[in-house]
Amino acid sequence: MLRACLISALALPALLTPALAETQLTTYRYACEGDVTFWVVYAVDEAGGGGAVVALDDRLWQLDPVPAASGARYAGGEDGRIIWWTQGEDAMLLRAENGQETVVMTCVDSY
């Protein structure tokens, strides 16, 4: 729980709109292949906009929502090539290069 609060606090500046009261933050913990676990903070504002911050290996990636055929999909990161895609409890971290998307790891929401 302490780690979730820490990640939420670190992610706040990257996620929040000027009106804090109008933004809802939700933190999820994901368990991935290779015994990797990490946190994702999702923000949704009153207008339905928002984003996600992925906290993995002492790095924070701020991702913006992008269209998805199903589920929720976010893209961005420091080089714009990180993709986080969720469908229900399942999720994938992908990396985009030269028009191709490569799965980095598959995960499941572990609340």
N, C-alpha and C. Protein backbone atom coordinates (compact mmCIF):
# COMPACT_ATOMS: atom_id res chain seq x y z
N MET A 1 0.82 -1.19 0.00
CA MET A 1 0.00 0.00 0.00
C MET A 1 0.86 1.26 0.00
N LEU A 2 1.94 1.24 0.78
CA LEU A 2 2.84 2.38 0.81
C LEU A 2 3.40 2.66 -0.57
N ARG A 3 3.79 1.60 -1.29
CA ARG A 3 4.34 1.78 -2.63
C ARG A 3 3.29 2.38 -3.56
N ALA A 4 2.03 1.95 -3.43
CA ALA A 4 0.96 2.50 -4.27
C ALA A 4 0.80 3.98 -4.00
N CYS A 5 0.87 4.38 -2.75
CA CYS A 5 0.75 5.80 -2.42
C CYS A 5 1.93 6.58 -2.97
N LEU A 6 3.13 6.02 -2.87
CA LEU A 6 4.31 6.67 -3.39
C LEU A 6 4.22 6.86 -4.89
N ILE A 7 3.83 5.81 -5.60
CA ILE A 7 3.70 5.91 -7.05
C ILE A 7 2.63 6.93 -7.41
N SER A 8 1.51 6.92 -6.70
CA SER A 8 0.46 7.89 -6.96
C SER A 8 0.98 9.31 -6.77
N ALA A 9 1.73 9.52 -5.71
CA ALA A 9 2.27 10.85 -5.46
C ALA A 9 3.26 11.26 -6.53
N LEU A 10 4.10 10.35 -6.99
CA LEU A 10 5.05 10.67 -8.05
C LEU A 10 4.35 10.95 -9.37
N ALA A 11 3.24 10.29 -9.60
CA ALA A 11 2.55 10.43 -10.87
C ALA A 11 1.65 11.66 -10.93
N LEU A 12 1.28 12.22 -9.80
CA LEU A 12 0.33 13.32 -9.80
C LEU A 12 0.70 14.47 -10.73
N PRO A 13 1.91 15.01 -10.69
CA PRO A 13 2.21 16.15 -11.55
C PRO A 13 2.05 15.83 -13.03
N ALA A 14 2.34 14.61 -13.41
CA ALA A 14 2.25 14.25 -14.83
C ALA A 14 0.82 14.03 -15.28
N LEU A 15 -0.07 13.74 -14.36
CA LEU A 15 -1.42 13.34 -14.74
C LEU A 15 -2.48 14.42 -14.58
N LEU A 16 -2.33 15.26 -13.60
CA LEU A 16 -3.45 16.08 -13.20
C LEU A 16 -3.69 17.27 -14.10
N THR A 17 -4.96 17.55 -14.29
CA THR A 17 -5.38 18.78 -14.94
C THR A 17 -5.36 19.86 -13.88
N PRO A 18 -5.54 21.12 -14.25
CA PRO A 18 -5.51 22.18 -13.23
C PRO A 18 -6.53 21.99 -12.11
N ALA A 19 -7.63 21.32 -12.38
CA ALA A 19 -8.66 21.14 -11.35
C ALA A 19 -8.53 19.76 -10.72
N LEU A 20 -7.83 19.68 -9.61
CA LEU A 20 -7.59 18.40 -8.93
C LEU A 20 -8.89 17.69 -8.59
N ALA A 21 -9.88 18.42 -8.14
CA ALA A 21 -11.13 17.80 -7.71
C ALA A 21 -11.87 17.14 -8.87
N GLU A 22 -11.55 17.52 -10.09
CA GLU A 22 -12.24 16.98 -11.26
C GLU A 22 -11.53 15.76 -11.84
N THR A 23 -10.44 15.31 -11.23
CA THR A 23 -9.67 14.20 -11.75
C THR A 23 -9.70 13.03 -10.78
N GLN A 24 -10.06 11.85 -11.29
CA GLN A 24 -10.10 10.64 -10.47
C GLN A 24 -8.86 9.81 -10.77
N LEU A 25 -8.11 9.44 -9.72
CA LEU A 25 -6.92 8.60 -9.87
C LEU A 25 -7.22 7.21 -9.34
N THR A 26 -6.77 6.20 -10.09
CA THR A 26 -6.91 4.81 -9.68
C THR A 26 -5.57 4.13 -9.88
N THR A 27 -5.11 3.39 -8.88
CA THR A 27 -3.83 2.70 -8.96
C THR A 27 -4.06 1.20 -9.01
N TYR A 28 -3.41 0.54 -9.96
CA TYR A 28 -3.49 -0.92 -10.10
C TYR A 28 -2.09 -1.51 -10.05
N ARG A 29 -2.00 -2.71 -9.50
CA ARG A 29 -0.75 -3.47 -9.48
C ARG A 29 -0.91 -4.60 -10.49
N TYR A 30 0.11 -4.80 -11.31
CA TYR A 30 0.08 -5.86 -12.32
C TYR A 30 1.19 -6.86 -12.05
N ALA A 31 0.87 -8.14 -12.22
CA ALA A 31 1.85 -9.23 -12.12
C ALA A 31 2.09 -9.72 -13.55
N CYS A 32 3.36 -9.79 -13.91
CA CYS A 32 3.72 -10.13 -15.29
C CYS A 32 4.62 -11.35 -15.33
N GLU A 33 4.81 -11.84 -16.54
CA GLU A 33 5.70 -12.98 -16.73
C GLU A 33 7.09 -12.64 -16.20
N GLY A 34 7.80 -13.65 -15.77
CA GLY A 34 9.14 -13.45 -15.23
C GLY A 34 9.13 -12.87 -13.82
N ASP A 35 8.01 -13.04 -13.10
CA ASP A 35 7.88 -12.54 -11.73
C ASP A 35 8.07 -11.03 -11.62
N VAL A 36 7.70 -10.30 -12.64
CA VAL A 36 7.78 -8.84 -12.64
C VAL A 36 6.44 -8.29 -12.15
N THR A 37 6.49 -7.36 -11.21
CA THR A 37 5.28 -6.66 -10.78
C THR A 37 5.55 -5.16 -10.88
N PHE A 38 4.51 -4.41 -11.20
CA PHE A 38 4.65 -2.96 -11.23
C PHE A 38 3.29 -2.31 -11.09
N TRP A 39 3.29 -0.99 -10.97
CA TRP A 39 2.10 -0.20 -10.72
C TRP A 39 1.76 0.67 -11.93
N VAL A 40 0.47 0.87 -12.12
CA VAL A 40 -0.01 1.80 -13.14
C VAL A 40 -1.05 2.70 -12.47
N VAL A 41 -0.89 4.00 -12.64
CA VAL A 41 -1.85 4.97 -12.13
C VAL A 41 -2.63 5.50 -13.32
N TYR A 42 -3.96 5.38 -13.24
CA TYR A 42 -4.84 5.87 -14.30
C TYR A 42 -5.53 7.15 -13.81
N ALA A 43 -5.68 8.12 -14.68
CA ALA A 43 -6.39 9.36 -14.36
C ALA A 43 -7.51 9.54 -15.36
N VAL A 44 -8.67 9.94 -14.85
CA VAL A 44 -9.81 10.24 -15.71
C VAL A 44 -10.39 11.56 -15.22
N ASP A 45 -10.54 12.53 -16.14
CA ASP A 45 -11.14 13.79 -15.74
C ASP A 45 -12.62 13.80 -16.12
N GLU A 46 -13.31 14.86 -15.72
CA GLU A 46 -14.75 14.94 -15.94
C GLU A 46 -15.13 14.88 -17.42
N ALA A 47 -14.23 15.30 -18.29
CA ALA A 47 -14.52 15.30 -19.72
C ALA A 47 -14.25 13.94 -20.35
N GLY A 48 -13.79 12.98 -19.55
CA GLY A 48 -13.50 11.65 -20.08
C GLY A 48 -12.09 11.49 -20.58
N GLY A 49 -11.29 12.54 -20.50
CA GLY A 49 -9.88 12.46 -20.89
C GLY A 49 -9.06 11.91 -19.74
N GLY A 50 -7.80 11.74 -19.95
CA GLY A 50 -6.93 11.25 -18.89
C GLY A 50 -5.68 10.65 -19.45
N GLY A 51 -5.20 9.64 -18.78
CA GLY A 51 -3.98 8.99 -19.21
C GLY A 51 -3.56 7.95 -18.18
N ALA A 52 -2.36 7.47 -18.34
CA ALA A 52 -1.81 6.47 -17.43
C ALA A 52 -0.34 6.75 -17.21
N VAL A 53 0.13 6.42 -16.02
CA VAL A 53 1.56 6.47 -15.73
C VAL A 53 1.96 5.06 -15.33
N VAL A 54 2.90 4.49 -16.07
CA VAL A 54 3.43 3.15 -15.79
C VAL A 54 4.72 3.33 -15.01
N ALA A 55 4.80 2.67 -13.85
CA ALA A 55 5.99 2.72 -13.00
C ALA A 55 6.65 1.35 -13.03
N LEU A 56 7.76 1.24 -13.75
CA LEU A 56 8.45 -0.04 -13.93
C LEU A 56 9.95 0.17 -13.88
N ASP A 57 10.63 -0.63 -13.09
CA ASP A 57 12.10 -0.56 -12.99
C ASP A 57 12.58 0.85 -12.70
N ASP A 58 12.00 1.48 -11.70
CA ASP A 58 12.39 2.84 -11.28
C ASP A 58 12.23 3.87 -12.39
N ARG A 59 11.34 3.62 -13.32
CA ARG A 59 11.05 4.57 -14.40
C ARG A 59 9.56 4.86 -14.39
N LEU A 60 9.21 6.06 -14.79
CA LEU A 60 7.81 6.45 -14.95
C LEU A 60 7.59 6.84 -16.41
N TRP A 61 6.61 6.22 -17.03
CA TRP A 61 6.25 6.58 -18.40
C TRP A 61 4.87 7.20 -18.39
N GLN A 62 4.75 8.43 -18.84
CA GLN A 62 3.44 9.07 -18.97
C GLN A 62 2.88 8.70 -20.33
N LEU A 63 1.67 8.11 -20.33
CA LEU A 63 1.07 7.63 -21.56
C LEU A 63 -0.29 8.29 -21.76
N ASP A 64 -0.62 8.58 -23.00
CA ASP A 64 -1.89 9.19 -23.36
C ASP A 64 -2.81 8.15 -23.98
N PRO A 65 -4.12 8.30 -23.80
CA PRO A 65 -5.04 7.35 -24.41
C PRO A 65 -5.00 7.44 -25.93
N VAL A 66 -5.07 6.29 -26.58
CA VAL A 66 -5.12 6.21 -28.05
C VAL A 66 -6.24 5.23 -28.42
N PRO A 67 -6.77 5.32 -29.63
CA PRO A 67 -7.86 4.42 -30.03
C PRO A 67 -7.45 2.94 -29.93
N ALA A 68 -8.43 2.13 -29.51
CA ALA A 68 -8.23 0.68 -29.41
C ALA A 68 -9.47 -0.02 -29.93
N ALA A 69 -9.26 -1.12 -30.63
CA ALA A 69 -10.40 -1.90 -31.13
C ALA A 69 -11.20 -2.46 -29.96
N SER A 70 -10.51 -2.81 -28.88
CA SER A 70 -11.17 -3.26 -27.65
C SER A 70 -10.24 -2.97 -26.48
N GLY A 71 -10.82 -2.82 -25.31
CA GLY A 71 -10.02 -2.52 -24.13
C GLY A 71 -9.59 -1.06 -24.12
N ALA A 72 -8.57 -0.78 -23.33
CA ALA A 72 -8.02 0.57 -23.22
C ALA A 72 -6.56 0.52 -23.63
N ARG A 73 -6.15 1.51 -24.41
CA ARG A 73 -4.78 1.53 -24.95
C ARG A 73 -4.18 2.91 -24.71
N TYR A 74 -2.92 2.92 -24.28
CA TYR A 74 -2.21 4.15 -23.98
C TYR A 74 -0.85 4.09 -24.67
N ALA A 75 -0.35 5.23 -25.11
CA ALA A 75 0.95 5.26 -25.78
C ALA A 75 1.70 6.53 -25.40
N GLY A 76 3.00 6.44 -25.45
CA GLY A 76 3.84 7.60 -25.14
C GLY A 76 5.18 7.15 -24.62
N GLY A 77 5.58 7.73 -23.50
CA GLY A 77 6.90 7.45 -22.96
C GLY A 77 7.89 8.46 -23.49
N GLU A 78 9.11 8.40 -23.00
CA GLU A 78 10.10 9.42 -23.38
C GLU A 78 10.42 9.41 -24.87
N ASP A 79 10.29 8.27 -25.51
CA ASP A 79 10.57 8.22 -26.95
C ASP A 79 9.30 7.99 -27.76
N GLY A 80 8.15 8.00 -27.09
CA GLY A 80 6.87 7.84 -27.78
C GLY A 80 6.59 6.44 -28.29
N ARG A 81 7.37 5.46 -27.85
CA ARG A 81 7.22 4.11 -28.39
C ARG A 81 6.73 3.08 -27.39
N ILE A 82 6.32 3.52 -26.21
CA ILE A 82 5.81 2.60 -25.20
C ILE A 82 4.29 2.51 -25.35
N ILE A 83 3.74 1.30 -25.33
CA ILE A 83 2.30 1.08 -25.44
C ILE A 83 1.86 0.19 -24.29
N TRP A 84 0.79 0.60 -23.63
CA TRP A 84 0.19 -0.18 -22.55
C TRP A 84 -1.25 -0.46 -22.96
N TRP A 85 -1.62 -1.73 -23.06
CA TRP A 85 -2.93 -2.13 -23.57
C TRP A 85 -3.58 -3.07 -22.59
N THR A 86 -4.78 -2.72 -22.11
CA THR A 86 -5.49 -3.56 -21.16
C THR A 86 -6.83 -4.00 -21.73
N GLN A 87 -7.24 -5.20 -21.36
CA GLN A 87 -8.56 -5.75 -21.69
C GLN A 87 -9.00 -6.54 -20.47
N GLY A 88 -9.95 -5.98 -19.72
CA GLY A 88 -10.35 -6.64 -18.48
C GLY A 88 -9.17 -6.71 -17.53
N GLU A 89 -8.88 -7.91 -17.03
CA GLU A 89 -7.75 -8.09 -16.12
C GLU A 89 -6.42 -8.34 -16.84
N ASP A 90 -6.46 -8.56 -18.14
CA ASP A 90 -5.25 -8.84 -18.91
C ASP A 90 -4.64 -7.55 -19.46
N ALA A 91 -3.32 -7.55 -19.58
CA ALA A 91 -2.63 -6.37 -20.09
C ALA A 91 -1.35 -6.78 -20.80
N MET A 92 -0.87 -5.89 -21.67
CA MET A 92 0.39 -6.11 -22.37
C MET A 92 1.18 -4.81 -22.42
N LEU A 93 2.47 -4.92 -22.22
CA LEU A 93 3.39 -3.81 -22.44
C LEU A 93 4.07 -4.08 -23.77
N LEU A 94 3.98 -3.12 -24.67
CA LEU A 94 4.55 -3.28 -26.01
C LEU A 94 5.52 -2.16 -26.30
N ARG A 95 6.37 -2.38 -27.28
CA ARG A 95 7.30 -1.35 -27.76
C ARG A 95 7.11 -1.26 -29.27
N ALA A 96 6.95 -0.05 -29.76
CA ALA A 96 6.76 0.18 -31.19
C ALA A 96 8.06 0.69 -31.81
N GLU A 97 8.46 0.05 -32.91
CA GLU A 97 9.64 0.48 -33.66
C GLU A 97 9.43 0.15 -35.12
N ASN A 98 9.72 1.11 -35.98
CA ASN A 98 9.63 0.93 -37.42
C ASN A 98 8.28 0.37 -37.87
N GLY A 99 7.21 0.87 -37.25
CA GLY A 99 5.87 0.44 -37.63
C GLY A 99 5.45 -0.92 -37.10
N GLN A 100 6.29 -1.56 -36.31
CA GLN A 100 5.99 -2.87 -35.73
C GLN A 100 5.84 -2.74 -34.22
N GLU A 101 4.92 -3.50 -33.66
CA GLU A 101 4.76 -3.56 -32.21
C GLU A 101 5.23 -4.91 -31.70
N THR A 102 6.11 -4.87 -30.70
CA THR A 102 6.65 -6.08 -30.11
C THR A 102 6.19 -6.18 -28.67
N VAL A 103 5.68 -7.33 -28.27
CA VAL A 103 5.26 -7.55 -26.89
C VAL A 103 6.50 -7.65 -26.02
N VAL A 104 6.57 -6.77 -25.02
CA VAL A 104 7.67 -6.80 -24.04
C VAL A 104 7.32 -7.79 -22.93
N MET A 105 6.05 -7.72 -22.45
CA MET A 105 5.59 -8.68 -21.45
C MET A 105 4.07 -8.66 -21.38
N THR A 106 3.52 -9.81 -20.97
CA THR A 106 2.08 -9.91 -20.73
C THR A 106 1.87 -9.91 -19.22
N CYS A 107 0.73 -9.34 -18.81
CA CYS A 107 0.48 -9.16 -17.38
C CYS A 107 -0.98 -9.43 -17.05
N VAL A 108 -1.25 -9.51 -15.74
CA VAL A 108 -2.61 -9.64 -15.25
C VAL A 108 -2.75 -8.72 -14.05
N ASP A 109 -3.90 -8.08 -13.94
CA ASP A 109 -4.20 -7.19 -12.83
C ASP A 109 -4.21 -8.02 -11.56
N SER A 110 -3.41 -7.63 -10.56
CA SER A 110 -3.33 -8.42 -9.33
C SER A 110 -3.80 -7.65 -8.11
N TYR A 111 -4.52 -6.57 -8.33
CA TYR A 111 -5.07 -5.73 -7.26
C TYR A 111 -4.24 -5.83 -6.02
